[in-house]
Amino acid sequence: MTTATRTDLKQHWIPVKDCDPRAVALYKRHYSSRKGNVDWLRYGFSGVGESLILLTVDCRALFGWRRQNLRDDGQTGIECFVFRNMGDLLSSTLILQAEVWAFSKWERQRLFSFVDSKKIQSTNPGYCFLQAGWQKCGHSKGGLLILEKLPNGH
């Protein structure tokens, strides 16, 4: 893939800080966000590790990547820890574009995400990721669906 093509594929996303109020507003609407006292959100929501937070230029979608060296769950690679699309753009397209950002920052790393089938309104949990070429690769100890995309599938 040429550099120009890689740049074109990034077109809907802009990188922001995890304390950006526009990103925080979308994060708070995601099912995995911690509810209750959200005062801590002003310091960021990406948690421990190196992160890449993406917001669409229209501020209607959020994507969060995180790389953690030490994980209790045994997963390796770059985690999509949040994806929220409130806009009209196709979610699978946004995922593919977010992958370009991740692979630009962390070359040749496995991408993975967890989906809580009980907390989303879909008869096919993770469908938008599957449409973007991700694969189901098991379940966590807590029953979450694990999806992954390997770098050679990029």
N, C-alpha and C. Protein backbone atom coordinates (compact mmCIF):
# COMPACT_ATOMS: atom_id res chain seq x y z
N MET A 1 0.85 -1.17 0.00
CA MET A 1 0.00 0.00 0.00
C MET A 1 0.89 1.23 0.00
N THR A 2 0.59 2.17 -0.87
CA THR A 2 1.41 3.38 -0.95
C THR A 2 1.10 4.31 0.20
N THR A 3 2.01 5.24 0.44
CA THR A 3 1.82 6.22 1.51
C THR A 3 0.58 7.06 1.25
N ALA A 4 0.37 7.45 0.00
CA ALA A 4 -0.81 8.26 -0.33
C ALA A 4 -2.08 7.50 -0.02
N THR A 5 -2.12 6.22 -0.36
CA THR A 5 -3.31 5.42 -0.08
C THR A 5 -3.53 5.29 1.42
N ARG A 6 -2.44 5.07 2.18
CA ARG A 6 -2.56 4.95 3.63
C ARG A 6 -3.12 6.24 4.22
N THR A 7 -2.66 7.38 3.72
CA THR A 7 -3.14 8.67 4.23
C THR A 7 -4.61 8.85 3.88
N ASP A 8 -5.01 8.49 2.66
CA ASP A 8 -6.41 8.61 2.25
C ASP A 8 -7.31 7.78 3.16
N LEU A 9 -6.82 6.63 3.58
CA LEU A 9 -7.63 5.75 4.42
C LEU A 9 -7.83 6.30 5.83
N LYS A 10 -7.07 7.29 6.20
CA LYS A 10 -7.20 7.91 7.52
C LYS A 10 -8.20 9.06 7.50
N GLN A 11 -8.83 9.33 6.37
CA GLN A 11 -9.51 10.58 6.11
C GLN A 11 -10.59 11.01 7.11
N HIS A 12 -11.30 10.10 7.71
CA HIS A 12 -12.39 10.51 8.61
C HIS A 12 -11.96 10.74 10.04
N TRP A 13 -10.74 10.33 10.41
CA TRP A 13 -10.30 10.39 11.80
C TRP A 13 -9.27 11.49 12.03
N ILE A 14 -9.32 12.07 13.22
CA ILE A 14 -8.27 12.96 13.69
C ILE A 14 -7.86 12.48 15.09
N PRO A 15 -6.56 12.53 15.39
CA PRO A 15 -6.13 12.13 16.74
C PRO A 15 -6.44 13.24 17.74
N VAL A 16 -6.88 12.86 18.93
CA VAL A 16 -7.18 13.81 20.00
C VAL A 16 -6.65 13.23 21.31
N LYS A 17 -6.64 14.04 22.33
CA LYS A 17 -6.26 13.57 23.66
C LYS A 17 -7.47 12.91 24.32
N ASP A 18 -7.23 12.00 25.25
CA ASP A 18 -8.34 11.28 25.88
C ASP A 18 -9.10 12.14 26.89
N CYS A 19 -8.68 13.37 27.07
CA CYS A 19 -9.44 14.29 27.92
C CYS A 19 -10.18 15.33 27.06
N ASP A 20 -10.13 15.20 25.76
CA ASP A 20 -10.85 16.09 24.86
C ASP A 20 -12.34 15.99 25.18
N PRO A 21 -13.00 17.10 25.49
CA PRO A 21 -14.41 17.04 25.90
C PRO A 21 -15.34 16.39 24.88
N ARG A 22 -15.03 16.53 23.60
CA ARG A 22 -15.86 15.91 22.56
C ARG A 22 -15.72 14.39 22.62
N ALA A 23 -14.50 13.92 22.83
CA ALA A 23 -14.25 12.48 22.94
C ALA A 23 -14.86 11.93 24.23
N VAL A 24 -14.72 12.68 25.32
CA VAL A 24 -15.28 12.25 26.60
C VAL A 24 -16.79 12.10 26.50
N ALA A 25 -17.44 13.03 25.80
CA ALA A 25 -18.90 12.96 25.66
C ALA A 25 -19.33 11.68 24.95
N LEU A 26 -18.61 11.28 23.92
CA LEU A 26 -18.93 10.02 23.23
C LEU A 26 -18.56 8.82 24.10
N TYR A 27 -17.44 8.90 24.78
CA TYR A 27 -17.02 7.80 25.65
C TYR A 27 -18.07 7.52 26.72
N LYS A 28 -18.62 8.55 27.31
CA LYS A 28 -19.62 8.37 28.36
C LYS A 28 -20.87 7.66 27.86
N ARG A 29 -21.10 7.68 26.55
CA ARG A 29 -22.28 7.02 25.97
C ARG A 29 -22.00 5.58 25.58
N HIS A 30 -20.73 5.13 25.73
CA HIS A 30 -20.38 3.75 25.39
C HIS A 30 -20.74 2.83 26.55
N TYR A 31 -21.18 1.64 26.26
CA TYR A 31 -21.63 0.73 27.32
C TYR A 31 -20.53 0.35 28.30
N SER A 32 -19.28 0.41 27.87
CA SER A 32 -18.19 -0.01 28.75
C SER A 32 -17.67 1.10 29.66
N SER A 33 -18.16 2.33 29.46
CA SER A 33 -17.65 3.42 30.30
C SER A 33 -18.14 3.26 31.73
N ARG A 34 -17.29 3.69 32.65
CA ARG A 34 -17.68 3.62 34.06
C ARG A 34 -18.71 4.69 34.36
N LYS A 35 -19.77 4.26 34.98
CA LYS A 35 -20.87 5.19 35.30
C LYS A 35 -20.68 5.75 36.70
N GLY A 36 -21.56 6.62 37.10
CA GLY A 36 -21.45 7.20 38.44
C GLY A 36 -20.61 8.46 38.40
N ASN A 37 -19.75 8.64 39.40
CA ASN A 37 -18.90 9.81 39.49
C ASN A 37 -17.91 9.81 38.33
N VAL A 38 -18.08 10.70 37.38
CA VAL A 38 -17.22 10.75 36.21
C VAL A 38 -16.26 11.93 36.25
N ASP A 39 -16.03 12.47 37.42
CA ASP A 39 -15.10 13.59 37.56
C ASP A 39 -13.71 13.24 37.04
N TRP A 40 -13.31 11.98 37.18
CA TRP A 40 -12.00 11.52 36.73
C TRP A 40 -11.82 11.63 35.23
N LEU A 41 -12.93 11.73 34.48
CA LEU A 41 -12.84 11.78 33.02
C LEU A 41 -12.09 13.01 32.52
N ARG A 42 -12.05 14.05 33.31
CA ARG A 42 -11.33 15.25 32.85
C ARG A 42 -9.83 14.98 32.73
N TYR A 43 -9.35 13.88 33.33
CA TYR A 43 -7.95 13.50 33.24
C TYR A 43 -7.70 12.48 32.13
N GLY A 44 -8.75 12.00 31.51
CA GLY A 44 -8.62 11.04 30.43
C GLY A 44 -9.26 9.71 30.76
N PHE A 45 -9.61 8.97 29.73
CA PHE A 45 -10.33 7.71 29.91
C PHE A 45 -9.60 6.50 29.37
N SER A 46 -8.40 6.67 28.82
CA SER A 46 -7.73 5.54 28.17
C SER A 46 -7.04 4.59 29.13
N GLY A 47 -6.85 4.99 30.36
CA GLY A 47 -6.25 4.08 31.33
C GLY A 47 -4.74 3.96 31.18
N VAL A 48 -4.21 2.88 31.73
CA VAL A 48 -2.78 2.65 31.76
C VAL A 48 -2.29 2.14 30.41
N GLY A 49 -1.14 2.62 29.98
CA GLY A 49 -0.55 2.17 28.73
C GLY A 49 -0.47 3.29 27.72
N GLU A 50 0.02 2.94 26.57
CA GLU A 50 0.14 3.89 25.46
C GLU A 50 -1.16 3.85 24.66
N SER A 51 -1.71 5.02 24.35
CA SER A 51 -3.00 5.02 23.66
C SER A 51 -3.00 5.92 22.43
N LEU A 52 -4.00 5.69 21.60
CA LEU A 52 -4.27 6.50 20.43
C LEU A 52 -5.78 6.69 20.39
N ILE A 53 -6.23 7.93 20.57
CA ILE A 53 -7.65 8.25 20.59
C ILE A 53 -7.99 8.97 19.29
N LEU A 54 -8.99 8.48 18.60
CA LEU A 54 -9.41 9.04 17.32
C LEU A 54 -10.85 9.53 17.40
N LEU A 55 -11.09 10.66 16.80
CA LEU A 55 -12.42 11.25 16.74
C LEU A 55 -12.67 11.60 15.28
N THR A 56 -13.87 11.32 14.78
CA THR A 56 -14.15 11.70 13.40
C THR A 56 -14.23 13.22 13.32
N VAL A 57 -13.98 13.73 12.12
CA VAL A 57 -13.95 15.18 11.95
C VAL A 57 -15.31 15.82 12.28
N ASP A 58 -16.40 15.05 12.17
CA ASP A 58 -17.71 15.58 12.54
C ASP A 58 -18.04 15.35 14.02
N CYS A 59 -17.10 14.75 14.75
CA CYS A 59 -17.22 14.49 16.21
C CYS A 59 -18.39 13.57 16.54
N ARG A 60 -18.73 12.66 15.63
CA ARG A 60 -19.84 11.75 15.88
C ARG A 60 -19.41 10.30 16.07
N ALA A 61 -18.09 10.06 16.02
CA ALA A 61 -17.59 8.71 16.27
C ALA A 61 -16.26 8.80 17.02
N LEU A 62 -16.03 7.80 17.86
CA LEU A 62 -14.84 7.72 18.70
C LEU A 62 -14.23 6.33 18.59
N PHE A 63 -12.91 6.28 18.53
CA PHE A 63 -12.19 5.02 18.50
C PHE A 63 -11.00 5.14 19.43
N GLY A 64 -10.81 4.16 20.29
CA GLY A 64 -9.68 4.18 21.21
C GLY A 64 -8.84 2.92 21.11
N TRP A 65 -7.55 3.09 20.83
CA TRP A 65 -6.57 2.00 20.82
C TRP A 65 -5.71 2.13 22.06
N ARG A 66 -5.29 0.99 22.61
CA ARG A 66 -4.42 1.01 23.79
C ARG A 66 -3.46 -0.18 23.73
N ARG A 67 -2.19 0.11 24.02
CA ARG A 67 -1.17 -0.94 24.13
C ARG A 67 -0.69 -0.99 25.57
N GLN A 68 -0.84 -2.16 26.18
CA GLN A 68 -0.40 -2.37 27.55
C GLN A 68 0.59 -3.53 27.57
N ASN A 69 1.72 -3.33 28.21
CA ASN A 69 2.73 -4.39 28.28
C ASN A 69 2.32 -5.51 29.23
N LEU A 70 1.70 -5.15 30.33
CA LEU A 70 1.29 -6.14 31.33
C LEU A 70 -0.23 -6.21 31.39
N ARG A 71 -0.76 -7.37 31.09
CA ARG A 71 -2.21 -7.56 31.10
C ARG A 71 -2.54 -8.80 31.92
N ASP A 72 -3.59 -8.71 32.70
CA ASP A 72 -4.03 -9.86 33.50
C ASP A 72 -4.76 -10.92 32.68
N ASP A 73 -5.27 -10.54 31.51
CA ASP A 73 -6.08 -11.46 30.72
C ASP A 73 -5.29 -12.28 29.71
N GLY A 74 -3.99 -12.04 29.62
CA GLY A 74 -3.15 -12.81 28.71
C GLY A 74 -3.21 -12.37 27.25
N GLN A 75 -3.99 -11.36 26.94
CA GLN A 75 -4.09 -10.89 25.55
C GLN A 75 -2.83 -10.09 25.20
N THR A 76 -2.43 -10.18 23.94
CA THR A 76 -1.27 -9.44 23.46
C THR A 76 -1.68 -8.62 22.25
N GLY A 77 -1.01 -7.49 22.07
CA GLY A 77 -1.27 -6.64 20.92
C GLY A 77 -1.88 -5.33 21.32
N ILE A 78 -2.61 -4.77 20.39
CA ILE A 78 -3.21 -3.45 20.54
C ILE A 78 -4.72 -3.63 20.69
N GLU A 79 -5.24 -3.12 21.80
CA GLU A 79 -6.66 -3.31 22.11
C GLU A 79 -7.49 -2.13 21.63
N CYS A 80 -8.57 -2.43 20.93
CA CYS A 80 -9.60 -1.43 20.70
C CYS A 80 -10.45 -1.48 21.97
N PHE A 81 -10.31 -0.47 22.81
CA PHE A 81 -11.03 -0.49 24.08
C PHE A 81 -12.33 0.30 24.03
N VAL A 82 -12.52 1.07 22.97
CA VAL A 82 -13.79 1.77 22.80
C VAL A 82 -13.99 2.09 21.32
N PHE A 83 -15.20 1.85 20.84
CA PHE A 83 -15.63 2.29 19.52
C PHE A 83 -17.09 2.67 19.64
N ARG A 84 -17.38 3.91 19.32
CA ARG A 84 -18.75 4.42 19.38
C ARG A 84 -19.00 5.22 18.12
N ASN A 85 -20.01 4.82 17.36
CA ASN A 85 -20.36 5.52 16.13
C ASN A 85 -21.79 6.02 16.23
N MET A 86 -21.93 7.31 16.32
CA MET A 86 -23.25 7.95 16.38
C MET A 86 -23.58 8.65 15.06
N GLY A 87 -22.70 8.51 14.08
CA GLY A 87 -22.87 9.21 12.81
C GLY A 87 -23.42 8.34 11.71
N ASP A 88 -23.37 8.87 10.50
CA ASP A 88 -23.92 8.19 9.33
C ASP A 88 -22.89 7.34 8.60
N LEU A 89 -21.63 7.46 8.95
CA LEU A 89 -20.59 6.69 8.27
C LEU A 89 -20.69 5.23 8.67
N LEU A 90 -20.42 4.35 7.74
CA LEU A 90 -20.48 2.92 7.97
C LEU A 90 -19.42 2.52 9.00
N SER A 91 -19.83 1.82 10.04
CA SER A 91 -18.92 1.44 11.12
C SER A 91 -17.73 0.62 10.61
N SER A 92 -17.97 -0.31 9.70
CA SER A 92 -16.86 -1.13 9.19
C SER A 92 -15.84 -0.28 8.46
N THR A 93 -16.28 0.76 7.76
CA THR A 93 -15.36 1.68 7.09
C THR A 93 -14.52 2.42 8.11
N LEU A 94 -15.17 2.89 9.17
CA LEU A 94 -14.43 3.61 10.22
C LEU A 94 -13.41 2.69 10.90
N ILE A 95 -13.78 1.44 11.12
CA ILE A 95 -12.85 0.48 11.73
C ILE A 95 -11.64 0.29 10.83
N LEU A 96 -11.85 0.08 9.55
CA LEU A 96 -10.74 -0.10 8.62
C LEU A 96 -9.82 1.12 8.62
N GLN A 97 -10.40 2.30 8.67
CA GLN A 97 -9.59 3.52 8.71
C GLN A 97 -8.84 3.64 10.03
N ALA A 98 -9.47 3.26 11.13
CA ALA A 98 -8.80 3.31 12.43
C ALA A 98 -7.64 2.31 12.48
N GLU A 99 -7.78 1.19 11.79
CA GLU A 99 -6.69 0.21 11.72
C GLU A 99 -5.45 0.82 11.09
N VAL A 100 -5.64 1.63 10.07
CA VAL A 100 -4.49 2.26 9.40
C VAL A 100 -3.72 3.11 10.41
N TRP A 101 -4.44 3.83 11.26
CA TRP A 101 -3.79 4.62 12.30
C TRP A 101 -3.02 3.72 13.25
N ALA A 102 -3.65 2.63 13.68
CA ALA A 102 -3.00 1.71 14.63
C ALA A 102 -1.75 1.08 14.01
N PHE A 103 -1.86 0.59 12.78
CA PHE A 103 -0.71 -0.05 12.14
C PHE A 103 0.39 0.97 11.82
N SER A 104 0.03 2.24 11.67
CA SER A 104 1.05 3.27 11.47
C SER A 104 1.83 3.53 12.75
N LYS A 105 1.14 3.44 13.88
CA LYS A 105 1.79 3.69 15.17
C LYS A 105 2.50 2.45 15.72
N TRP A 106 1.85 1.30 15.57
CA TRP A 106 2.39 0.04 16.11
C TRP A 106 2.44 -0.98 14.97
N GLU A 107 3.52 -1.00 14.22
CA GLU A 107 3.62 -1.92 13.08
C GLU A 107 3.58 -3.38 13.51
N ARG A 108 2.93 -4.18 12.69
CA ARG A 108 2.93 -5.64 12.82
C ARG A 108 2.44 -6.14 14.17
N GLN A 109 1.48 -5.49 14.74
CA GLN A 109 0.91 -5.91 16.02
C GLN A 109 -0.49 -6.48 15.79
N ARG A 110 -0.85 -7.44 16.57
CA ARG A 110 -2.20 -8.01 16.57
C ARG A 110 -3.16 -6.96 17.14
N LEU A 111 -4.31 -6.80 16.52
CA LEU A 111 -5.38 -5.93 17.03
C LEU A 111 -6.44 -6.82 17.65
N PHE A 112 -7.01 -6.40 18.77
CA PHE A 112 -8.07 -7.20 19.39
C PHE A 112 -9.05 -6.30 20.11
N SER A 113 -10.22 -6.85 20.38
CA SER A 113 -11.26 -6.13 21.10
C SER A 113 -12.16 -7.13 21.81
N PHE A 114 -12.83 -6.65 22.83
CA PHE A 114 -13.81 -7.44 23.57
C PHE A 114 -15.19 -6.88 23.26
N VAL A 115 -16.17 -7.76 23.12
CA VAL A 115 -17.56 -7.34 22.91
C VAL A 115 -18.43 -8.01 23.96
N ASP A 116 -19.19 -7.21 24.68
CA ASP A 116 -20.12 -7.74 25.67
C ASP A 116 -21.48 -7.92 25.00
N SER A 117 -21.77 -9.14 24.59
CA SER A 117 -23.00 -9.44 23.85
C SER A 117 -24.25 -9.09 24.62
N LYS A 118 -24.17 -9.06 25.95
CA LYS A 118 -25.33 -8.77 26.78
C LYS A 118 -25.64 -7.28 26.85
N LYS A 119 -24.67 -6.44 26.50
CA LYS A 119 -24.86 -5.00 26.66
C LYS A 119 -25.04 -4.24 25.36
N ILE A 120 -25.08 -4.95 24.25
CA ILE A 120 -25.31 -4.27 22.98
C ILE A 120 -26.61 -4.75 22.37
N GLN A 121 -27.19 -3.90 21.56
CA GLN A 121 -28.47 -4.23 20.93
C GLN A 121 -28.21 -4.76 19.53
N SER A 122 -27.78 -6.00 19.45
CA SER A 122 -27.49 -6.62 18.16
C SER A 122 -27.72 -8.11 18.26
N THR A 123 -28.27 -8.67 17.20
CA THR A 123 -28.41 -10.12 17.15
C THR A 123 -27.11 -10.76 16.65
N ASN A 124 -26.18 -9.94 16.19
CA ASN A 124 -24.90 -10.42 15.69
C ASN A 124 -23.78 -9.56 16.29
N PRO A 125 -23.43 -9.79 17.56
CA PRO A 125 -22.43 -8.96 18.23
C PRO A 125 -21.09 -8.93 17.50
N GLY A 126 -20.55 -7.74 17.34
CA GLY A 126 -19.27 -7.57 16.65
C GLY A 126 -19.38 -7.56 15.15
N TYR A 127 -20.59 -7.49 14.63
CA TYR A 127 -20.82 -7.58 13.18
C TYR A 127 -19.99 -6.57 12.39
N CYS A 128 -19.92 -5.32 12.85
CA CYS A 128 -19.19 -4.30 12.09
C CYS A 128 -17.70 -4.64 12.04
N PHE A 129 -17.15 -5.23 13.12
CA PHE A 129 -15.76 -5.66 13.10
C PHE A 129 -15.57 -6.84 12.14
N LEU A 130 -16.51 -7.77 12.16
CA LEU A 130 -16.43 -8.92 11.26
C LEU A 130 -16.48 -8.47 9.80
N GLN A 131 -17.30 -7.46 9.52
CA GLN A 131 -17.39 -6.91 8.17
C GLN A 131 -16.08 -6.24 7.76
N ALA A 132 -15.30 -5.80 8.74
CA ALA A 132 -14.00 -5.17 8.48
C ALA A 132 -12.88 -6.20 8.45
N GLY A 133 -13.22 -7.49 8.48
CA GLY A 133 -12.22 -8.54 8.33
C GLY A 133 -11.67 -9.10 9.63
N TRP A 134 -12.27 -8.74 10.75
CA TRP A 134 -11.84 -9.29 12.04
C TRP A 134 -12.40 -10.70 12.18
N GLN A 135 -11.81 -11.48 13.08
CA GLN A 135 -12.23 -12.85 13.33
C GLN A 135 -12.58 -13.05 14.80
N LYS A 136 -13.52 -13.92 15.06
CA LYS A 136 -13.79 -14.34 16.43
C LYS A 136 -12.65 -15.27 16.85
N CYS A 137 -12.15 -15.08 18.07
CA CYS A 137 -11.03 -15.95 18.50
C CYS A 137 -11.22 -16.46 19.92
N GLY A 138 -12.45 -16.43 20.42
CA GLY A 138 -12.71 -17.01 21.72
C GLY A 138 -13.50 -16.08 22.63
N HIS A 139 -13.50 -16.46 23.91
CA HIS A 139 -14.21 -15.69 24.93
C HIS A 139 -13.29 -15.48 26.13
N SER A 140 -13.48 -14.36 26.79
CA SER A 140 -12.72 -14.09 28.00
C SER A 140 -13.28 -14.93 29.15
N LYS A 141 -12.58 -14.92 30.28
CA LYS A 141 -13.07 -15.65 31.46
C LYS A 141 -14.42 -15.14 31.89
N GLY A 142 -14.69 -13.87 31.65
CA GLY A 142 -15.97 -13.27 32.01
C GLY A 142 -17.05 -13.44 30.96
N GLY A 143 -16.75 -14.14 29.87
CA GLY A 143 -17.75 -14.41 28.84
C GLY A 143 -17.81 -13.41 27.70
N LEU A 144 -16.88 -12.46 27.65
CA LEU A 144 -16.88 -11.48 26.57
C LEU A 144 -16.33 -12.12 25.30
N LEU A 145 -16.94 -11.79 24.18
CA LEU A 145 -16.46 -12.25 22.88
C LEU A 145 -15.15 -11.53 22.57
N ILE A 146 -14.13 -12.27 22.12
CA ILE A 146 -12.86 -11.66 21.73
C ILE A 146 -12.76 -11.70 20.22
N LEU A 147 -12.50 -10.55 19.64
CA LEU A 147 -12.30 -10.42 18.20
C LEU A 147 -10.85 -10.00 17.95
N GLU A 148 -10.30 -10.41 16.83
CA GLU A 148 -8.93 -10.03 16.51
C GLU A 148 -8.75 -9.81 15.03
N LYS A 149 -7.71 -9.04 14.72
CA LYS A 149 -7.24 -8.89 13.35
C LYS A 149 -5.72 -8.97 13.40
N LEU A 150 -5.19 -9.93 12.67
CA LEU A 150 -3.75 -10.12 12.66
C LEU A 150 -3.10 -9.22 11.62
N PRO A 151 -1.86 -8.82 11.84
CA PRO A 151 -1.22 -7.87 10.93
C PRO A 151 -1.10 -8.39 9.50
N ASN A 152 -0.99 -9.69 9.30
CA ASN A 152 -0.91 -10.20 7.93
C ASN A 152 -2.26 -10.15 7.23
N GLY A 153 -3.34 -9.91 7.99
CA GLY A 153 -4.66 -9.73 7.40
C GLY A 153 -4.92 -8.29 7.01
N HIS A 154 -3.92 -7.45 7.24
CA HIS A 154 -4.03 -6.00 6.99
C HIS A 154 -3.77 -5.70 5.55
